[in-house]
Amino acid sequence: MLCTEEKDAAVRMARKIGAANMERRQIEQSILEQIEGMFAASGGVGEARSLVVSGEGWSQGVLGIVASRLVEKYHRPALVFTTKDGHAIGSGRSIHGFNLYEALTRMGGLFEGFGGHAHAAGIRMKAENLDRLKQDLEDIAGKTLSETDMAPTVQVDAQVSLRDVGVDMVKQISSLAPFGEGNPDPRFLARSVRVLGAKVVGGRHLKLKLTQGEKTMEAIGFGMGERYPLLDETVDMVFVPETNHWQGRERIQLRIIDLEKSNRMSRLILEDPGCQLDVLRAEYE
């Protein structure tokens, strides 16, 4: 689609991709609703330190996304499996403080194959071993994770004001790429930012116009549409500054990681402030 010079062909491909993406979201939501139904039927997740769920014929392509959604909501390691003909294929996601790959290695005899790293994994196994996996993973998580580990937090690299965020900052951050496992993109905290405008775009994303002092910026929170409305609220926000290209224009946009109303007991943790991020003229806490 990006290479074609024919507008009509690009439009057709874009519509096809959009339809496929919408179908994926519907499948993802259906599986999540089934899982929530399982939790409700069993009295909720309770004091469990881990989650292992499975369903017959679930789409393998969305298992990782579903596991991520469970981790975001319940803040504990989660494995999600699809089963067919006595076999189970699964994807797992974890939280800071629980090395999922190490845990799976300790249970290696249960699997036909697995791979991954500290925060994500893929697994193949016999479906008959799922109950044993659930029990063993819970035993390991129970000995590893404390209540503090399971409390939702957002770790940030530095506190800044919006005036610190500009083209030069984004370029210097980009020089630290590629970002990923072992080199996450830097996250910044801005406090007492006022929301001038708010709307939901794409059915589920939160678009904000923000101001602090004399600086005004736009921000996008993917999948955060449920937090609307926030108009005229003052918020503390964790974000990643990025360059947004749209209709031939280039501007800095803030990708929201998390936000909360100001003057509350904060979940936003300032981690190792000032370490290697000399690109900022920030006052660190």
C-alpha atoms as a PDB file:
ATOM      1  CA  MET A   1       0.000   0.000   0.000  1.00  0.00           C
ATOM      2  CA  LEU A   2       2.827   2.410   0.856  1.00  0.00           C
ATOM      3  CA  CYS A   3       4.608   1.726  -2.426  1.00  0.00           C
ATOM      4  CA  THR A   4       1.741   1.942  -4.897  1.00  0.00           C
ATOM      5  CA  GLU A   5       1.389   5.068  -7.033  1.00  0.00           C
ATOM      6  CA  GLU A   6      -2.276   4.352  -7.795  1.00  0.00           C
ATOM      7  CA  LYS A   7      -4.629   6.136  -5.435  1.00  0.00           C
ATOM      8  CA  ASP A   8      -7.564   3.770  -6.038  1.00  0.00           C
ATOM      9  CA  ALA A   9      -5.391   0.722  -5.313  1.00  0.00           C
ATOM     10  CA  ALA A  10      -4.118   2.338  -2.108  1.00  0.00           C
ATOM     11  CA  VAL A  11      -7.683   3.091  -0.983  1.00  0.00           C
ATOM     12  CA  ARG A  12      -8.789  -0.493  -1.653  1.00  0.00           C
ATOM     13  CA  MET A  13      -5.853  -1.890   0.311  1.00  0.00           C
ATOM     14  CA  ALA A  14      -6.403   0.572   3.154  1.00  0.00           C
ATOM     15  CA  ARG A  15     -10.047  -0.466   3.415  1.00  0.00           C
ATOM     16  CA  LYS A  16      -9.058  -4.136   3.390  1.00  0.00           C
ATOM     17  CA  ILE A  17      -6.515  -3.561   6.162  1.00  0.00           C
ATOM     18  CA  GLY A  18      -9.058  -1.534   8.145  1.00  0.00           C
ATOM     19  CA  ALA A  19     -11.644  -4.302   7.864  1.00  0.00           C
ATOM     20  CA  ALA A  20      -9.102  -6.916   8.960  1.00  0.00           C
ATOM     21  CA  ASN A  21      -8.111  -4.774  11.925  1.00  0.00           C
ATOM     22  CA  MET A  22     -11.730  -4.323  12.956  1.00  0.00           C
ATOM     23  CA  GLU A  23     -12.285  -8.087  12.732  1.00  0.00           C
ATOM     24  CA  ARG A  24      -9.206  -8.667  14.928  1.00  0.00           C
ATOM     25  CA  ARG A  25     -10.536  -6.258  17.542  1.00  0.00           C
ATOM     26  CA  GLN A  26     -13.897  -8.004  17.573  1.00  0.00           C
ATOM     27  CA  ILE A  27     -12.228 -11.402  18.027  1.00  0.00           C
ATOM     28  CA  GLU A  28     -10.029  -9.999  20.793  1.00  0.00           C
ATOM     29  CA  GLN A  29     -13.037  -8.481  22.572  1.00  0.00           C
ATOM     30  CA  SER A  30     -15.030 -11.712  22.264  1.00  0.00           C
ATOM     31  CA  ILE A  31     -12.246 -13.739  23.891  1.00  0.00           C
ATOM     32  CA  LEU A  32     -11.836 -11.167  26.666  1.00  0.00           C
ATOM     33  CA  GLU A  33     -15.568 -11.299  27.371  1.00  0.00           C
ATOM     34  CA  GLN A  34     -15.423 -15.106  27.580  1.00  0.00           C
ATOM     35  CA  ILE A  35     -12.489 -14.904  29.996  1.00  0.00           C
ATOM     36  CA  GLU A  36     -14.261 -12.350  32.180  1.00  0.00           C
ATOM     37  CA  GLY A  37     -17.246 -14.697  32.213  1.00  0.00           C
ATOM     38  CA  MET A  38     -14.978 -17.509  33.435  1.00  0.00           C
ATOM     39  CA  PHE A  39     -13.620 -15.286  36.200  1.00  0.00           C
ATOM     40  CA  ALA A  40     -17.120 -14.201  37.239  1.00  0.00           C
ATOM     41  CA  ALA A  41     -18.333 -17.818  37.347  1.00  0.00           C
ATOM     42  CA  SER A  42     -15.435 -18.800  39.625  1.00  0.00           C
ATOM     43  CA  GLY A  43     -15.758 -15.824  41.972  1.00  0.00           C
ATOM     44  CA  GLY A  44     -13.141 -13.581  40.363  1.00  0.00           C
ATOM     45  CA  VAL A  45      -9.353 -13.774  40.296  1.00  0.00           C
ATOM     46  CA  GLY A  46      -9.202 -13.343  44.071  1.00  0.00           C
ATOM     47  CA  GLU A  47      -5.719 -13.693  45.571  1.00  0.00           C
ATOM     48  CA  ALA A  48      -4.260 -15.585  42.628  1.00  0.00           C
ATOM     49  CA  ARG A  49      -0.780 -14.415  41.724  1.00  0.00           C
ATOM     50  CA  SER A  50      -1.067 -15.635  38.124  1.00  0.00           C
ATOM     51  CA  LEU A  51      -3.671 -16.268  35.432  1.00  0.00           C
ATOM     52  CA  VAL A  52      -3.893 -19.260  33.091  1.00  0.00           C
ATOM     53  CA  VAL A  53      -6.947 -19.440  30.816  1.00  0.00           C
ATOM     54  CA  SER A  54      -7.858 -21.468  27.740  1.00  0.00           C
ATOM     55  CA  GLY A  55     -10.631 -21.826  25.214  1.00  0.00           C
ATOM     56  CA  GLU A  56     -11.444 -24.216  22.399  1.00  0.00           C
ATOM     57  CA  GLY A  57     -10.722 -22.719  18.993  1.00  0.00           C
ATOM     58  CA  TRP A  58      -9.668 -19.254  20.111  1.00  0.00           C
ATOM     59  CA  SER A  59      -7.785 -17.373  17.396  1.00  0.00           C
ATOM     60  CA  GLN A  60      -4.062 -17.944  17.853  1.00  0.00           C
ATOM     61  CA  GLY A  61      -3.242 -14.561  16.312  1.00  0.00           C
ATOM     62  CA  VAL A  62      -4.703 -12.500  19.181  1.00  0.00           C
ATOM     63  CA  LEU A  63      -3.580 -14.552  22.180  1.00  0.00           C
ATOM     64  CA  GLY A  64      -0.643 -12.263  22.934  1.00  0.00           C
ATOM     65  CA  ILE A  65      -2.835  -9.169  22.764  1.00  0.00           C
ATOM     66  CA  VAL A  66      -5.407 -10.772  25.065  1.00  0.00           C
ATOM     67  CA  ALA A  67      -2.671 -11.751  27.544  1.00  0.00           C
ATOM     68  CA  SER A  68      -1.416  -8.157  27.504  1.00  0.00           C
ATOM     69  CA  ARG A  69      -4.918  -6.870  28.233  1.00  0.00           C
ATOM     70  CA  LEU A  70      -5.202  -9.215  31.216  1.00  0.00           C
ATOM     71  CA  VAL A  71      -1.836  -8.077  32.564  1.00  0.00           C
ATOM     72  CA  GLU A  72      -2.862  -4.435  32.156  1.00  0.00           C
ATOM     73  CA  LYS A  73      -6.095  -4.996  34.057  1.00  0.00           C
ATOM     74  CA  TYR A  74      -5.055  -7.461  36.773  1.00  0.00           C
ATOM     75  CA  HIS A  75      -1.314  -6.732  36.986  1.00  0.00           C
ATOM     76  CA  ARG A  76      -0.110 -10.307  37.287  1.00  0.00           C
ATOM     77  CA  PRO A  77       1.448 -12.763  34.803  1.00  0.00           C
ATOM     78  CA  ALA A  78      -1.073 -14.215  32.360  1.00  0.00           C
ATOM     79  CA  LEU A  79      -1.018 -17.149  29.939  1.00  0.00           C
ATOM     80  CA  VAL A  80      -3.765 -17.508  27.321  1.00  0.00           C
ATOM     81  CA  PHE A  81      -4.208 -20.743  25.339  1.00  0.00           C
ATOM     82  CA  THR A  82      -6.241 -21.965  22.427  1.00  0.00           C
ATOM     83  CA  THR A  83      -6.950 -25.697  22.378  1.00  0.00           C
ATOM     84  CA  LYS A  84      -7.706 -28.108  19.549  1.00  0.00           C
ATOM     85  CA  ASP A  85      -7.486 -31.891  19.193  1.00  0.00           C
ATOM     86  CA  GLY A  86      -5.785 -32.323  22.552  1.00  0.00           C
ATOM     87  CA  HIS A  87      -3.109 -29.710  21.938  1.00  0.00           C
ATOM     88  CA  ALA A  88      -2.722 -26.207  23.368  1.00  0.00           C
ATOM     89  CA  ILE A  89      -0.894 -23.220  21.923  1.00  0.00           C
ATOM     90  CA  GLY A  90      -0.466 -20.216  24.146  1.00  0.00           C
ATOM     91  CA  SER A  91       1.029 -16.802  24.618  1.00  0.00           C
ATOM     92  CA  GLY A  92       2.085 -15.232  27.887  1.00  0.00           C
ATOM     93  CA  ARG A  93       2.854 -11.768  29.229  1.00  0.00           C
ATOM     94  CA  SER A  94       4.302 -10.792  32.580  1.00  0.00           C
ATOM     95  CA  ILE A  95       4.972  -7.876  34.916  1.00  0.00           C
ATOM     96  CA  HIS A  96       8.114  -6.264  36.255  1.00  0.00           C
ATOM     97  CA  GLY A  97       9.500  -8.512  38.984  1.00  0.00           C
ATOM     98  CA  PHE A  98       8.425 -11.835  37.507  1.00  0.00           C
ATOM     99  CA  ASN A  99      10.664 -13.443  34.891  1.00  0.00           C
ATOM    100  CA  LEU A 100       8.221 -15.474  32.832  1.00  0.00           C
ATOM    101  CA  TYR A 101      10.881 -17.286  30.816  1.00  0.00           C
ATOM    102  CA  GLU A 102      12.697 -18.451  33.958  1.00  0.00           C
ATOM    103  CA  ALA A 103       9.412 -19.660  35.452  1.00  0.00           C
ATOM    104  CA  LEU A 104       8.574 -21.644  32.311  1.00  0.00           C
ATOM    105  CA  THR A 105      12.070 -23.120  32.256  1.00  0.00           C
ATOM    106  CA  ARG A 106      11.437 -24.558  35.721  1.00  0.00           C
ATOM    107  CA  MET A 107       8.335 -26.277  34.319  1.00  0.00           C
ATOM    108  CA  GLY A 108       9.918 -27.299  31.014  1.00  0.00           C
ATOM    109  CA  GLY A 109       8.810 -30.917  31.286  1.00  0.00           C
ATOM    110  CA  LEU A 110       5.199 -29.843  30.741  1.00  0.00           C
ATOM    111  CA  PHE A 111       5.818 -28.393  27.288  1.00  0.00           C
ATOM    112  CA  GLU A 112       6.372 -29.628  23.773  1.00  0.00           C
ATOM    113  CA  GLY A 113       8.168 -26.354  23.143  1.00  0.00           C
ATOM    114  CA  PHE A 114       8.420 -22.800  24.447  1.00  0.00           C
ATOM    115  CA  GLY A 115      10.436 -19.633  23.981  1.00  0.00           C
ATOM    116  CA  GLY A 116      10.502 -15.991  24.910  1.00  0.00           C
ATOM    117  CA  HIS A 117      12.047 -13.652  27.436  1.00  0.00           C
ATOM    118  CA  ALA A 118      11.357 -12.161  30.871  1.00  0.00           C
ATOM    119  CA  HIS A 119       8.089 -10.469  29.903  1.00  0.00           C
ATOM    120  CA  ALA A 120       6.657 -12.545  27.045  1.00  0.00           C
ATOM    121  CA  ALA A 121       6.565 -16.150  25.900  1.00  0.00           C
ATOM    122  CA  GLY A 122       5.022 -18.585  23.445  1.00  0.00           C
ATOM    123  CA  ILE A 123       4.151 -22.178  24.410  1.00  0.00           C
ATOM    124  CA  ARG A 124       3.104 -25.479  22.802  1.00  0.00           C
ATOM    125  CA  MET A 125       1.876 -28.301  25.024  1.00  0.00           C
ATOM    126  CA  LYS A 126      -0.693 -31.034  25.503  1.00  0.00           C
ATOM    127  CA  ALA A 127      -4.019 -29.674  26.687  1.00  0.00           C
ATOM    128  CA  GLU A 128      -4.166 -32.294  29.437  1.00  0.00           C
ATOM    129  CA  ASN A 129      -1.236 -30.539  31.159  1.00  0.00           C
ATOM    130  CA  LEU A 130      -2.930 -27.151  31.458  1.00  0.00           C
ATOM    131  CA  ASP A 131      -4.238 -27.753  34.990  1.00  0.00           C
ATOM    132  CA  ARG A 132      -0.760 -28.774  36.145  1.00  0.00           C
ATOM    133  CA  LEU A 133       0.696 -25.671  34.494  1.00  0.00           C
ATOM    134  CA  LYS A 134      -1.827 -23.465  36.262  1.00  0.00           C
ATOM    135  CA  GLN A 135      -0.960 -24.997  39.628  1.00  0.00           C
ATOM    136  CA  ASP A 136       2.816 -24.896  39.150  1.00  0.00           C
ATOM    137  CA  LEU A 137       2.851 -21.332  37.805  1.00  0.00           C
ATOM    138  CA  GLU A 138       0.750 -20.203  40.749  1.00  0.00           C
ATOM    139  CA  ASP A 139       3.168 -21.882  43.167  1.00  0.00           C
ATOM    140  CA  ILE A 140       6.136 -20.080  41.600  1.00  0.00           C
ATOM    141  CA  ALA A 141       4.323 -16.734  41.425  1.00  0.00           C
ATOM    142  CA  GLY A 142       3.158 -17.100  45.028  1.00  0.00           C
ATOM    143  CA  LYS A 143       6.752 -17.488  46.196  1.00  0.00           C
ATOM    144  CA  THR A 144       8.060 -14.714  43.946  1.00  0.00           C
ATOM    145  CA  LEU A 145       5.494 -11.922  43.893  1.00  0.00           C
ATOM    146  CA  SER A 146       4.564  -9.768  46.877  1.00  0.00           C
ATOM    147  CA  GLU A 147       1.516  -7.528  47.216  1.00  0.00           C
ATOM    148  CA  THR A 148       3.762  -4.592  46.333  1.00  0.00           C
ATOM    149  CA  ASP A 149       4.863  -6.298  43.109  1.00  0.00           C
ATOM    150  CA  MET A 150       1.233  -6.660  42.075  1.00  0.00           C
ATOM    151  CA  ALA A 151       0.294  -3.042  42.759  1.00  0.00           C
ATOM    152  CA  PRO A 152      -0.087  -1.255  39.407  1.00  0.00           C
ATOM    153  CA  THR A 153       2.670   1.317  38.848  1.00  0.00           C
ATOM    154  CA  VAL A 154       4.066   3.210  35.915  1.00  0.00           C
ATOM    155  CA  GLN A 155       7.818   3.729  35.972  1.00  0.00           C
ATOM    156  CA  VAL A 156       9.244   6.871  34.436  1.00  0.00           C
ATOM    157  CA  ASP A 157      12.728   8.102  33.619  1.00  0.00           C
ATOM    158  CA  ALA A 158      12.396  11.791  34.372  1.00  0.00           C
ATOM    159  CA  GLN A 159       9.965  14.534  35.284  1.00  0.00           C
ATOM    160  CA  VAL A 160       9.723  17.347  32.756  1.00  0.00           C
ATOM    161  CA  SER A 161       7.546  20.306  31.896  1.00  0.00           C
ATOM    162  CA  LEU A 162       5.934  20.657  28.488  1.00  0.00           C
ATOM    163  CA  ARG A 163       8.340  23.479  27.628  1.00  0.00           C
ATOM    164  CA  ASP A 164      11.168  20.896  27.669  1.00  0.00           C
ATOM    165  CA  VAL A 165       9.509  18.841  24.924  1.00  0.00           C
ATOM    166  CA  GLY A 166      10.516  19.833  21.410  1.00  0.00           C
ATOM    167  CA  VAL A 167      12.034  18.700  18.144  1.00  0.00           C
ATOM    168  CA  ASP A 168      15.594  18.574  19.492  1.00  0.00           C
ATOM    169  CA  MET A 169      14.543  16.421  22.435  1.00  0.00           C
ATOM    170  CA  VAL A 170      12.717  13.947  20.185  1.00  0.00           C
ATOM    171  CA  LYS A 171      15.674  13.730  17.792  1.00  0.00           C
ATOM    172  CA  GLN A 172      18.113  13.038  20.608  1.00  0.00           C
ATOM    173  CA  ILE A 173      15.824  10.386  22.086  1.00  0.00           C
ATOM    174  CA  SER A 174      15.547   8.778  18.630  1.00  0.00           C
ATOM    175  CA  SER A 175      19.323   8.445  18.581  1.00  0.00           C
ATOM    176  CA  LEU A 176      18.979   5.922  21.428  1.00  0.00           C
ATOM    177  CA  ALA A 177      16.877   3.594  19.225  1.00  0.00           C
ATOM    178  CA  PRO A 178      16.045   0.846  18.497  1.00  0.00           C
ATOM    179  CA  PHE A 179      13.733   0.494  21.467  1.00  0.00           C
ATOM    180  CA  GLY A 180      12.360  -2.784  22.750  1.00  0.00           C
ATOM    181  CA  GLU A 181      13.121  -5.484  25.302  1.00  0.00           C
ATOM    182  CA  GLY A 182      16.253  -4.428  27.167  1.00  0.00           C
ATOM    183  CA  ASN A 183      16.071  -0.868  25.799  1.00  0.00           C
ATOM    184  CA  PRO A 184      12.570   0.537  26.430  1.00  0.00           C
ATOM    185  CA  ASP A 185      11.737   3.948  25.048  1.00  0.00           C
ATOM    186  CA  PRO A 186      12.168   6.730  27.654  1.00  0.00           C
ATOM    187  CA  ARG A 187       9.029   7.716  29.527  1.00  0.00           C
ATOM    188  CA  PHE A 188       8.474  11.148  31.003  1.00  0.00           C
ATOM    189  CA  LEU A 189       6.193  12.542  33.685  1.00  0.00           C
ATOM    190  CA  ALA A 190       4.573  15.959  33.454  1.00  0.00           C
ATOM    191  CA  ARG A 191       2.557  17.131  36.459  1.00  0.00           C
ATOM    192  CA  SER A 192      -0.321  19.608  36.699  1.00  0.00           C
ATOM    193  CA  VAL A 193      -1.109  19.697  32.998  1.00  0.00           C
ATOM    194  CA  ARG A 194      -4.488  21.217  32.117  1.00  0.00           C
ATOM    195  CA  VAL A 195      -6.782  19.574  29.567  1.00  0.00           C
ATOM    196  CA  LEU A 196      -8.074  22.183  27.103  1.00  0.00           C
ATOM    197  CA  GLY A 197      -9.819  19.716  24.816  1.00  0.00           C
ATOM    198  CA  ALA A 198     -10.745  16.052  24.810  1.00  0.00           C
ATOM    199  CA  LYS A 199     -12.433  13.700  22.374  1.00  0.00           C
ATOM    200  CA  VAL A 200     -12.607  10.026  21.462  1.00  0.00           C
ATOM    201  CA  VAL A 201     -11.226   9.126  18.026  1.00  0.00           C
ATOM    202  CA  GLY A 202     -11.365   5.842  16.176  1.00  0.00           C
ATOM    203  CA  GLY A 203     -14.007   4.615  18.622  1.00  0.00           C
ATOM    204  CA  ARG A 204     -11.573   3.870  21.453  1.00  0.00           C
ATOM    205  CA  HIS A 205      -8.628   6.289  21.500  1.00  0.00           C
ATOM    206  CA  LEU A 206      -8.360   9.432  23.628  1.00  0.00           C
ATOM    207  CA  LYS A 207      -7.216  12.631  21.927  1.00  0.00           C
ATOM    208  CA  LEU A 208      -6.248  15.546  24.191  1.00  0.00           C
ATOM    209  CA  LYS A 209      -5.189  19.160  23.808  1.00  0.00           C
ATOM    210  CA  LEU A 210      -2.997  20.078  26.779  1.00  0.00           C
ATOM    211  CA  THR A 211      -1.472  23.215  28.221  1.00  0.00           C
ATOM    212  CA  GLN A 212       1.101  23.998  30.878  1.00  0.00           C
ATOM    213  CA  GLY A 213       2.365  27.537  31.302  1.00  0.00           C
ATOM    214  CA  GLU A 214       2.607  29.024  27.828  1.00  0.00           C
ATOM    215  CA  LYS A 215       3.066  25.671  26.034  1.00  0.00           C
ATOM    216  CA  THR A 216       0.193  23.852  24.314  1.00  0.00           C
ATOM    217  CA  MET A 217       0.522  20.344  22.862  1.00  0.00           C
ATOM    218  CA  GLU A 218      -1.576  17.467  21.574  1.00  0.00           C
ATOM    219  CA  ALA A 219      -1.555  13.948  23.004  1.00  0.00           C
ATOM    220  CA  ILE A 220      -3.032  10.593  22.048  1.00  0.00           C
ATOM    221  CA  GLY A 221      -3.882   7.725  24.392  1.00  0.00           C
ATOM    222  CA  PHE A 222      -4.418   4.531  22.419  1.00  0.00           C
ATOM    223  CA  GLY A 223      -7.200   2.390  23.872  1.00  0.00           C
ATOM    224  CA  MET A 224      -7.931   5.024  26.560  1.00  0.00           C
ATOM    225  CA  GLY A 225     -11.271   6.223  25.258  1.00  0.00           C
ATOM    226  CA  GLU A 226     -13.013   5.064  28.446  1.00  0.00           C
ATOM    227  CA  ARG A 227     -11.275   7.871  30.364  1.00  0.00           C
ATOM    228  CA  TYR A 228     -13.222  10.520  28.456  1.00  0.00           C
ATOM    229  CA  PRO A 229     -14.281  13.196  29.400  1.00  0.00           C
ATOM    230  CA  LEU A 230     -11.383  15.042  31.005  1.00  0.00           C
ATOM    231  CA  LEU A 231     -12.141  18.559  29.811  1.00  0.00           C
ATOM    232  CA  ASP A 232     -10.819  21.265  32.172  1.00  0.00           C
ATOM    233  CA  GLU A 233      -9.237  18.659  34.452  1.00  0.00           C
ATOM    234  CA  THR A 234      -5.670  19.032  35.704  1.00  0.00           C
ATOM    235  CA  VAL A 235      -3.736  15.798  35.287  1.00  0.00           C
ATOM    236  CA  ASP A 236      -0.364  14.170  35.875  1.00  0.00           C
ATOM    237  CA  MET A 237       0.655  12.298  32.751  1.00  0.00           C
ATOM    238  CA  VAL A 238       3.301   9.777  31.680  1.00  0.00           C
ATOM    239  CA  PHE A 239       4.113   9.965  27.988  1.00  0.00           C
ATOM    240  CA  VAL A 240       6.541   9.258  25.183  1.00  0.00           C
ATOM    241  CA  PRO A 241       7.180  12.231  22.861  1.00  0.00           C
ATOM    242  CA  GLU A 242       7.024  11.317  19.188  1.00  0.00           C
ATOM    243  CA  THR A 243       6.976  12.915  15.762  1.00  0.00           C
ATOM    244  CA  ASN A 244       3.570  12.681  14.109  1.00  0.00           C
ATOM    245  CA  HIS A 245       3.352  12.883  10.313  1.00  0.00           C
ATOM    246  CA  TRP A 246      -0.098  13.758   8.992  1.00  0.00           C
ATOM    247  CA  GLN A 247      -1.174  15.210   5.649  1.00  0.00           C
ATOM    248  CA  GLY A 248       2.319  16.440   4.856  1.00  0.00           C
ATOM    249  CA  ARG A 249       2.776  18.111   8.236  1.00  0.00           C
ATOM    250  CA  GLU A 250       5.212  17.126  10.958  1.00  0.00           C
ATOM    251  CA  ARG A 251       4.694  17.951  14.611  1.00  0.00           C
ATOM    252  CA  ILE A 252       5.476  16.669  18.078  1.00  0.00           C
ATOM    253  CA  GLN A 253       2.750  14.601  19.700  1.00  0.00           C
ATOM    254  CA  LEU A 254       2.720  12.973  23.124  1.00  0.00           C
ATOM    255  CA  ARG A 255       1.823   9.273  23.232  1.00  0.00           C
ATOM    256  CA  ILE A 256       0.109   8.807  26.591  1.00  0.00           C
ATOM    257  CA  ILE A 257       1.227   5.839  28.670  1.00  0.00           C
ATOM    258  CA  ASP A 258      -0.938   6.670  31.686  1.00  0.00           C
ATOM    259  CA  LEU A 259      -2.548   9.625  33.397  1.00  0.00           C
ATOM    260  CA  GLU A 260      -4.363  10.479  36.601  1.00  0.00           C
ATOM    261  CA  LYS A 261      -5.975  13.563  38.099  1.00  0.00           C
ATOM    262  CA  SER A 262      -3.477  15.746  39.928  1.00  0.00           C
ATOM    263  CA  ASN A 263      -3.233  15.946  43.734  1.00  0.00           C
ATOM    264  CA  ARG A 264      -3.981  12.271  44.285  1.00  0.00           C
ATOM    265  CA  MET A 265      -1.898   9.503  45.848  1.00  0.00           C
ATOM    266  CA  SER A 266       0.228   8.800  42.803  1.00  0.00           C
ATOM    267  CA  ARG A 267       0.878   5.462  41.104  1.00  0.00           C
ATOM    268  CA  LEU A 268       3.481   7.119  38.897  1.00  0.00           C
ATOM    269  CA  ILE A 269       6.977   6.215  40.051  1.00  0.00           C
ATOM    270  CA  LEU A 270      10.046   8.315  39.256  1.00  0.00           C
ATOM    271  CA  GLU A 271      12.782   5.793  38.465  1.00  0.00           C
ATOM    272  CA  ASP A 272      16.500   6.689  38.437  1.00  0.00           C
ATOM    273  CA  PRO A 273      15.908  10.355  37.582  1.00  0.00           C
ATOM    274  CA  GLY A 274      18.574  12.186  35.663  1.00  0.00           C
ATOM    275  CA  CYS A 275      20.642   9.079  34.833  1.00  0.00           C
ATOM    276  CA  GLN A 276      21.644   9.271  31.154  1.00  0.00           C
ATOM    277  CA  LEU A 277      18.998  11.636  29.858  1.00  0.00           C
ATOM    278  CA  ASP A 278      21.057  14.810  29.536  1.00  0.00           C
ATOM    279  CA  VAL A 279      18.868  15.930  26.643  1.00  0.00           C
ATOM    280  CA  LEU A 280      16.555  17.604  29.166  1.00  0.00           C
ATOM    281  CA  ARG A 281      16.621  20.926  30.939  1.00  0.00           C
ATOM    282  CA  ALA A 282      14.373  19.450  33.628  1.00  0.00           C
ATOM    283  CA  GLU A 283      14.159  19.873  37.345  1.00  0.00           C
ATOM    284  CA  TYR A 284      14.216  16.331  38.681  1.00  0.00           C
ATOM    285  CA  GLU A 285      12.618  15.201  41.896  1.00  0.00           C
END
